[in-house]
Amino acid sequence: MRVRTAGTTIVAALVALLVVVVVVPSLAAPAGSAGAPAAAPLRPTYRLEVVTANIDGAEHRRSGDKLATVQRVVETSAPDVVMLQEVCFGHFRRFVAANRSWIGAGEGWRDHFRFQKLRRHPGCARDGRVQRHGLVIASRHRLSDVDTHRLPNPGARTPHRFRMLCADVAVRGPLLRFADDAVRACTLQLRAGRGRTSGAGPARRAQAVAARRVLAPLVRGDRAAVVLGGDFNAVPKKGTMSELYRLSRSGWLTNRRGLFFEADQTGAYGARPAGRGAGLEQIVCRVTPRVCRWGEPTHRSRGHSRKLDYLFFGVNRAEPAATTGLLGTQEHLGGDVVRSPSASHEVFRGWADLALDLS
């Protein structure tokens, strides 16, 4: 048996410290973490890139080939996760065929692509044939623990179902292997509709509350990095979004109900907050150097542009904005809108630096 002396112990400790500093330079819990344990484990930071798009699958006359735009973004940016809404099953099959390179040896397509039917839609095919229509979550990393969660639809006048589709994403970095459940990704589409008589506003808020309750144990318990994306059918200043944003409407990190930072909350859109007109709180946010509940518009209709599509990251593993250190100012959150041929939703690409658990 080899005797371990004090000298060899010190040398080993110095070597281990050097490996941590050189190979994994960002082993730290994010400063913006809320609700994280006081003695949080050291975690390397990974920049997670996500794409979300409502592809209007059943709207042939005004949708264009939005799936082609999504595919172009996938090929140029290599996102970790792709989330799609209003997808016909035929579009889903096209998307799987275009990205079969994600499927590794011994894997099947279900390890990287999942479809959740919400209804059967006659508008999916030009000849009127009915197809499944719903949500998609996909990743170049392996998916596991796929689940769906029912969202309420109070006051509904149609039998349309609402669900949130979730999966664990086994992210693999260039040098590190993260835990298979280090990232929990979810996508949804909240109820559309405007006006008091439609009942859509209260329904959307109830759906946002239900989604938050599902994900709250992961964020508050600091059990995983969480990303929630999709078509929320509400502009940032609405009460529905107050159920998700950690930011108050005036840009303070004081909304304790909200458990998420949004990818585009750092965008410089001071002259044009998303939605029709700026309320007093957004004006206050605009004239002060803070992040705000706004973002580049993701939806165009009848001459109006609004932000309706979002990518949210759990506050336990993400930073709310940029940080300044020895290497200068570093952005930790961001988003970009990619124009599509559609007259409605654009393709939204966002990213965040997340502290992830190692395997």
Protein backbone atom coordinates (compact mmCIF):
# COMPACT_ATOMS: atom_id res chain seq x y z
CA MET A 1 0.00 0.00 0.00
CA ARG A 2 1.29 3.43 -0.97
CA VAL A 3 1.69 5.82 1.98
CA ARG A 4 0.22 9.29 1.20
CA THR A 5 2.37 12.03 2.72
CA ALA A 6 1.35 15.59 3.47
CA GLY A 7 3.51 16.81 0.57
CA THR A 8 1.81 14.61 -2.00
CA THR A 9 -1.58 15.65 -0.65
CA ILE A 10 -0.75 19.34 -1.19
CA VAL A 11 0.54 18.66 -4.71
CA ALA A 12 -2.60 16.71 -5.58
CA ALA A 13 -4.77 19.53 -4.30
CA LEU A 14 -2.88 22.09 -6.38
CA VAL A 15 -3.20 19.93 -9.51
CA ALA A 16 -6.94 19.53 -8.94
CA LEU A 17 -7.30 23.29 -8.50
CA LEU A 18 -5.37 23.93 -11.72
CA VAL A 19 -7.66 21.57 -13.65
CA VAL A 20 -10.74 23.37 -12.33
CA VAL A 21 -9.37 26.81 -13.23
CA VAL A 22 -8.03 25.92 -16.69
CA VAL A 23 -10.44 23.30 -17.99
CA VAL A 24 -13.67 24.49 -16.35
CA PRO A 25 -13.24 28.24 -15.90
CA SER A 26 -16.86 28.97 -14.95
CA LEU A 27 -17.62 26.54 -12.15
CA ALA A 28 -20.02 28.68 -10.17
CA ALA A 29 -23.69 29.08 -9.42
CA PRO A 30 -25.17 32.13 -11.19
CA ALA A 31 -25.29 35.33 -9.21
CA GLY A 32 -28.89 35.84 -10.25
CA SER A 33 -30.00 32.57 -8.67
CA ALA A 34 -33.05 32.88 -6.48
CA GLY A 35 -34.02 30.22 -4.02
CA ALA A 36 -30.79 28.23 -4.51
CA PRO A 37 -29.37 26.48 -1.44
CA ALA A 38 -26.74 28.41 0.52
CA ALA A 39 -24.15 25.74 -0.19
CA ALA A 40 -24.96 25.10 -3.82
CA PRO A 41 -22.68 22.59 -5.58
CA LEU A 42 -20.14 23.87 -8.08
CA ARG A 43 -21.49 23.61 -11.62
CA PRO A 44 -19.94 24.39 -15.01
CA THR A 45 -21.75 26.91 -17.19
CA TYR A 46 -23.10 25.89 -20.58
CA ARG A 47 -24.62 28.20 -23.19
CA LEU A 48 -27.94 26.56 -24.08
CA GLU A 49 -29.42 27.66 -27.42
CA VAL A 50 -33.11 27.13 -28.13
CA VAL A 51 -35.35 27.79 -31.14
CA THR A 52 -39.12 28.17 -30.90
CA ALA A 53 -41.66 28.77 -33.67
CA ASN A 54 -45.38 28.55 -34.21
CA ILE A 55 -45.31 27.28 -37.78
CA ASP A 56 -49.05 27.79 -38.47
CA GLY A 57 -49.12 24.30 -39.92
CA ALA A 58 -52.80 24.32 -40.86
CA GLU A 59 -52.79 27.82 -42.38
CA HIS A 60 -51.55 27.16 -45.92
CA ARG A 61 -52.69 30.40 -47.49
CA ARG A 62 -50.76 32.65 -45.13
CA SER A 63 -48.11 30.50 -43.49
CA GLY A 64 -45.62 30.03 -46.34
CA ASP A 65 -43.05 27.33 -45.80
CA LYS A 66 -42.09 28.37 -42.29
CA LEU A 67 -40.66 24.93 -41.58
CA ALA A 68 -37.97 25.69 -44.16
CA THR A 69 -37.06 28.82 -42.19
CA VAL A 70 -36.84 26.78 -39.00
CA GLN A 71 -34.60 24.26 -40.74
CA ARG A 72 -32.31 27.00 -42.03
CA VAL A 73 -31.92 28.34 -38.48
CA VAL A 74 -31.22 24.83 -37.19
CA GLU A 75 -28.51 24.26 -39.78
CA THR A 76 -26.80 27.62 -39.23
CA SER A 77 -26.96 27.84 -35.42
CA ALA A 78 -27.06 24.18 -34.25
CA PRO A 79 -29.45 24.80 -31.33
CA ASP A 80 -29.62 22.40 -28.41
CA VAL A 81 -33.43 22.31 -28.35
CA VAL A 82 -36.15 23.04 -30.92
CA MET A 83 -39.74 23.76 -29.89
CA LEU A 84 -42.58 23.95 -32.43
CA GLN A 85 -46.28 24.75 -32.08
CA GLU A 86 -49.26 24.24 -34.43
CA VAL A 87 -47.42 21.42 -36.17
CA CYS A 88 -49.16 19.00 -38.52
CA PHE A 89 -47.87 15.45 -38.35
CA GLY A 90 -46.68 15.70 -41.95
CA HIS A 91 -44.47 18.65 -40.98
CA PHE A 92 -43.14 16.67 -38.04
CA ARG A 93 -42.13 13.81 -40.34
CA ARG A 94 -40.35 16.29 -42.64
CA PHE A 95 -38.47 17.78 -39.70
CA VAL A 96 -37.36 14.35 -38.47
CA ALA A 97 -36.18 13.39 -41.97
CA ALA A 98 -34.19 16.61 -42.31
CA ASN A 99 -32.38 16.05 -39.01
CA ARG A 100 -31.80 12.30 -38.93
CA SER A 101 -28.09 12.98 -38.33
CA TRP A 102 -29.04 13.64 -34.71
CA ILE A 103 -29.89 9.95 -34.27
CA GLY A 104 -26.82 8.07 -33.06
CA ALA A 105 -25.89 4.40 -33.12
CA GLY A 106 -28.35 2.30 -31.17
CA GLU A 107 -30.88 5.15 -30.98
CA GLY A 108 -34.32 5.59 -32.50
CA TRP A 109 -36.05 8.73 -33.72
CA ARG A 110 -38.05 8.94 -30.49
CA ASP A 111 -34.80 9.55 -28.60
CA HIS A 112 -34.53 12.97 -30.28
CA PHE A 113 -38.00 13.92 -31.60
CA ARG A 114 -41.36 13.98 -29.80
CA PHE A 115 -44.82 14.97 -31.03
CA GLN A 116 -47.84 15.65 -28.83
CA LYS A 117 -51.23 15.60 -30.57
CA LEU A 118 -53.66 18.26 -29.39
CA ARG A 119 -56.35 17.70 -32.01
CA ARG A 120 -57.02 16.46 -35.54
CA HIS A 121 -57.08 19.30 -38.07
CA PRO A 122 -58.60 19.26 -41.60
CA GLY A 123 -56.40 22.18 -42.67
CA CYS A 124 -53.15 20.23 -42.47
CA ALA A 125 -53.41 18.86 -46.03
CA ARG A 126 -54.39 20.86 -49.09
CA ASP A 127 -56.86 18.16 -50.08
CA GLY A 128 -58.66 18.48 -46.75
CA ARG A 129 -57.46 15.21 -45.26
CA VAL A 130 -57.37 15.29 -41.47
CA GLN A 131 -53.99 15.06 -39.73
CA ARG A 132 -52.77 15.12 -36.17
CA HIS A 133 -51.90 18.66 -35.09
CA GLY A 134 -49.96 19.70 -32.00
CA LEU A 135 -46.61 20.37 -30.31
CA VAL A 136 -43.05 19.22 -31.01
CA ILE A 137 -39.94 19.14 -28.86
CA ALA A 138 -36.69 17.97 -30.45
CA SER A 139 -32.99 17.99 -29.67
CA ARG A 140 -29.64 16.94 -31.08
CA HIS A 141 -29.06 15.61 -27.55
CA ARG A 142 -30.91 12.58 -26.24
CA LEU A 143 -34.36 13.12 -24.73
CA SER A 144 -35.75 11.18 -21.78
CA ASP A 145 -38.54 11.29 -19.19
CA VAL A 146 -40.94 12.78 -21.76
CA ASP A 147 -44.23 13.85 -20.22
CA THR A 148 -47.29 15.98 -20.95
CA HIS A 149 -49.22 18.15 -18.51
CA ARG A 150 -52.82 19.21 -18.96
CA LEU A 151 -53.48 22.95 -18.94
CA PRO A 152 -56.93 24.25 -17.92
CA ASN A 153 -59.21 25.98 -20.40
CA PRO A 154 -61.95 27.66 -18.38
CA GLY A 155 -64.89 29.05 -20.29
CA ALA A 156 -63.96 27.12 -23.42
CA ARG A 157 -66.41 27.16 -26.31
CA THR A 158 -64.53 24.51 -28.28
CA PRO A 159 -63.15 21.10 -27.30
CA HIS A 160 -59.58 22.18 -28.16
CA ARG A 161 -57.11 20.68 -25.68
CA PHE A 162 -54.11 22.46 -24.17
CA ARG A 163 -51.02 20.62 -22.99
CA MET A 164 -47.43 21.34 -22.02
CA LEU A 165 -44.90 18.89 -23.48
CA CYS A 166 -41.71 18.37 -21.45
CA ALA A 167 -38.53 16.30 -21.66
CA ASP A 168 -35.15 15.98 -19.98
CA VAL A 169 -32.29 16.91 -22.32
CA ALA A 170 -28.97 15.06 -21.90
CA VAL A 171 -26.75 17.98 -22.94
CA ARG A 172 -23.25 17.05 -24.05
CA GLY A 173 -20.61 19.78 -24.15
CA PRO A 174 -17.34 19.65 -26.09
CA LEU A 175 -15.38 18.74 -22.94
CA LEU A 176 -18.00 17.86 -20.34
CA ARG A 177 -20.75 15.30 -19.89
CA PHE A 178 -23.71 16.74 -18.06
CA ALA A 179 -26.35 14.78 -16.19
CA ASP A 180 -29.09 13.28 -18.35
CA ASP A 181 -31.63 15.38 -16.41
CA ALA A 182 -29.53 18.55 -16.13
CA VAL A 183 -31.99 20.42 -18.40
CA ARG A 184 -35.78 20.17 -18.33
CA ALA A 185 -37.28 21.66 -21.52
CA CYS A 186 -40.99 22.35 -22.00
CA THR A 187 -43.10 23.86 -24.76
CA LEU A 188 -46.72 25.00 -24.92
CA GLN A 189 -49.21 27.23 -26.67
CA LEU A 190 -51.63 29.28 -24.59
CA ARG A 191 -55.17 30.06 -25.67
CA ALA A 192 -55.59 32.72 -28.35
CA GLY A 193 -58.29 35.37 -28.42
CA ARG A 194 -58.83 38.99 -27.49
CA GLY A 195 -61.55 41.02 -25.86
CA ARG A 196 -63.41 40.61 -22.59
CA THR A 197 -66.21 38.58 -24.10
CA SER A 198 -63.84 35.92 -25.45
CA GLY A 199 -62.74 34.80 -21.99
CA ALA A 200 -59.28 34.13 -23.44
CA GLY A 201 -57.37 36.43 -21.07
CA PRO A 202 -58.40 34.67 -17.83
CA ALA A 203 -57.91 31.29 -19.53
CA ARG A 204 -54.35 32.20 -20.60
CA ARG A 205 -53.52 33.32 -17.10
CA ALA A 206 -54.86 30.09 -15.60
CA GLN A 207 -52.75 28.13 -18.10
CA ALA A 208 -49.62 30.13 -17.21
CA VAL A 209 -50.24 29.47 -13.52
CA ALA A 210 -50.62 25.75 -14.18
CA ALA A 211 -47.35 25.64 -16.17
CA ARG A 212 -45.52 27.51 -13.41
CA ARG A 213 -46.82 25.12 -10.75
CA VAL A 214 -45.52 22.13 -12.69
CA LEU A 215 -42.04 23.63 -13.01
CA ALA A 216 -41.81 25.39 -9.63
CA PRO A 217 -40.39 22.37 -7.73
CA LEU A 218 -37.50 22.13 -10.20
CA VAL A 219 -36.67 25.84 -9.95
CA ARG A 220 -37.32 26.47 -6.25
CA GLY A 221 -35.71 23.18 -5.29
CA ASP A 222 -32.77 23.89 -7.64
CA ARG A 223 -33.14 20.40 -9.12
CA ALA A 224 -32.48 21.29 -12.78
CA ALA A 225 -32.05 24.07 -15.31
CA VAL A 226 -35.48 24.77 -16.82
CA VAL A 227 -36.37 26.27 -20.20
CA LEU A 228 -39.98 27.01 -21.13
CA GLY A 229 -40.81 28.22 -24.61
CA GLY A 230 -43.61 28.64 -27.08
CA ASP A 231 -46.50 30.83 -28.18
CA PHE A 232 -48.00 32.57 -25.14
CA ASN A 233 -50.47 34.77 -27.07
CA ALA A 234 -49.88 37.71 -24.70
CA VAL A 235 -47.58 40.75 -24.79
CA PRO A 236 -44.96 41.14 -22.01
CA LYS A 237 -46.87 43.67 -19.89
CA LYS A 238 -49.99 41.49 -19.52
CA GLY A 239 -50.94 39.82 -16.24
CA THR A 240 -50.52 36.40 -17.85
CA MET A 241 -46.81 37.07 -18.23
CA SER A 242 -46.53 38.27 -14.62
CA GLU A 243 -47.07 34.64 -13.67
CA LEU A 244 -43.73 33.81 -15.35
CA TYR A 245 -41.41 36.85 -15.50
CA ARG A 246 -39.24 37.46 -12.41
CA LEU A 247 -39.10 41.07 -13.65
CA SER A 248 -41.81 43.48 -12.60
CA ARG A 249 -43.33 45.59 -15.36
CA SER A 250 -40.95 48.41 -14.41
CA GLY A 251 -37.87 46.20 -14.67
CA TRP A 252 -37.12 45.33 -11.05
CA LEU A 253 -36.38 41.76 -9.93
CA THR A 254 -39.22 41.96 -7.44
CA ASN A 255 -41.97 39.78 -8.90
CA ARG A 256 -41.62 36.81 -6.56
CA ARG A 257 -44.34 34.83 -8.35
CA GLY A 258 -42.30 34.73 -11.52
CA LEU A 259 -39.60 32.07 -11.72
CA PHE A 260 -38.03 32.90 -15.08
CA PHE A 261 -35.81 35.29 -17.01
CA GLU A 262 -36.79 35.78 -20.65
CA ALA A 263 -34.18 35.54 -23.41
CA ASP A 264 -34.95 38.94 -24.94
CA GLN A 265 -35.42 40.94 -21.74
CA THR A 266 -31.97 42.47 -22.28
CA GLY A 267 -32.79 43.72 -25.79
CA ALA A 268 -32.33 47.43 -26.51
CA TYR A 269 -35.89 48.21 -27.59
CA GLY A 270 -36.30 51.37 -25.54
CA ALA A 271 -37.89 53.27 -28.41
CA ARG A 272 -40.40 50.50 -29.12
CA PRO A 273 -41.56 48.32 -26.24
CA ALA A 274 -43.35 45.20 -27.48
CA GLY A 275 -47.09 45.56 -27.75
CA ARG A 276 -49.29 48.53 -28.50
CA GLY A 277 -48.04 51.54 -26.57
CA ALA A 278 -45.90 51.72 -23.48
CA GLY A 279 -47.52 51.85 -20.07
CA LEU A 280 -46.10 54.08 -17.32
CA GLU A 281 -44.09 51.21 -15.87
CA GLN A 282 -42.44 50.41 -19.19
CA ILE A 283 -41.64 54.08 -19.70
CA VAL A 284 -39.87 54.07 -16.32
CA CYS A 285 -37.97 50.96 -17.35
CA ARG A 286 -37.05 52.52 -20.68
CA VAL A 287 -35.37 55.62 -19.21
CA THR A 288 -33.28 53.72 -16.67
CA PRO A 289 -30.40 51.30 -17.36
CA ARG A 290 -32.24 48.11 -16.45
CA VAL A 291 -33.51 45.02 -18.18
CA CYS A 292 -37.18 45.25 -19.09
CA ARG A 293 -40.23 43.18 -19.94
CA TRP A 294 -40.12 43.74 -23.67
CA GLY A 295 -38.46 42.22 -26.71
CA GLU A 296 -38.32 42.26 -30.46
CA PRO A 297 -41.80 41.60 -31.94
CA THR A 298 -42.35 37.97 -32.96
CA HIS A 299 -45.80 38.26 -34.54
CA ARG A 300 -47.12 40.34 -37.44
CA SER A 301 -50.79 40.72 -38.27
CA ARG A 302 -52.90 43.45 -39.91
CA GLY A 303 -50.11 45.99 -39.74
CA HIS A 304 -49.34 45.42 -36.06
CA SER A 305 -46.24 43.80 -34.57
CA ARG A 306 -46.19 42.26 -31.09
CA LYS A 307 -44.08 39.96 -28.97
CA LEU A 308 -46.10 36.78 -28.37
CA ASP A 309 -43.36 34.10 -28.47
CA TYR A 310 -40.99 33.61 -25.55
CA LEU A 311 -38.08 31.57 -24.21
CA PHE A 312 -37.93 31.53 -20.42
CA PHE A 313 -35.03 30.21 -18.31
CA GLY A 314 -35.34 29.29 -14.62
CA VAL A 315 -33.89 31.89 -12.25
CA ASN A 316 -32.07 29.21 -10.26
CA ARG A 317 -29.53 28.56 -13.01
CA ALA A 318 -29.60 31.67 -15.25
CA GLU A 319 -28.36 35.26 -14.98
CA PRO A 320 -30.85 38.12 -15.51
CA ALA A 321 -28.46 40.25 -17.59
CA ALA A 322 -24.78 40.90 -18.26
CA THR A 323 -21.98 40.79 -15.68
CA THR A 324 -18.73 42.70 -15.59
CA GLY A 325 -15.48 41.08 -14.48
CA LEU A 326 -11.80 40.77 -15.30
CA LEU A 327 -12.65 39.79 -18.88
CA GLY A 328 -14.96 42.77 -19.38
CA THR A 329 -18.71 42.73 -19.81
CA GLN A 330 -20.25 39.35 -20.65
CA GLU A 331 -23.80 38.84 -21.86
CA HIS A 332 -25.51 35.82 -20.29
CA LEU A 333 -28.90 36.00 -21.98
CA GLY A 334 -30.05 36.96 -25.45
CA GLY A 335 -32.56 36.47 -28.25
CA ASP A 336 -33.01 37.17 -31.95
CA VAL A 337 -36.02 37.06 -34.27
CA VAL A 338 -35.62 35.47 -37.70
CA ARG A 339 -38.11 36.69 -40.28
CA SER A 340 -40.18 34.00 -41.96
CA PRO A 341 -42.42 34.03 -45.06
CA SER A 342 -45.44 34.00 -42.78
CA ALA A 343 -47.69 36.96 -42.10
CA SER A 344 -47.93 35.83 -38.48
CA HIS A 345 -45.33 34.26 -36.17
CA GLU A 346 -41.59 34.61 -36.73
CA VAL A 347 -38.90 32.14 -35.67
CA PHE A 348 -37.40 33.10 -32.29
CA ARG A 349 -33.90 31.97 -31.27
CA GLY A 350 -32.70 32.52 -27.71
CA TRP A 351 -29.86 31.48 -25.48
CA ALA A 352 -28.77 31.57 -21.86
CA ASP A 353 -25.65 30.66 -19.88
CA LEU A 354 -26.91 28.01 -17.48
CA ALA A 355 -25.19 26.31 -14.54
CA LEU A 356 -25.67 22.58 -15.19
CA ASP A 357 -25.16 19.46 -13.10
CA LEU A 358 -22.45 17.05 -14.18
CA SER A 359 -23.21 13.38 -14.66
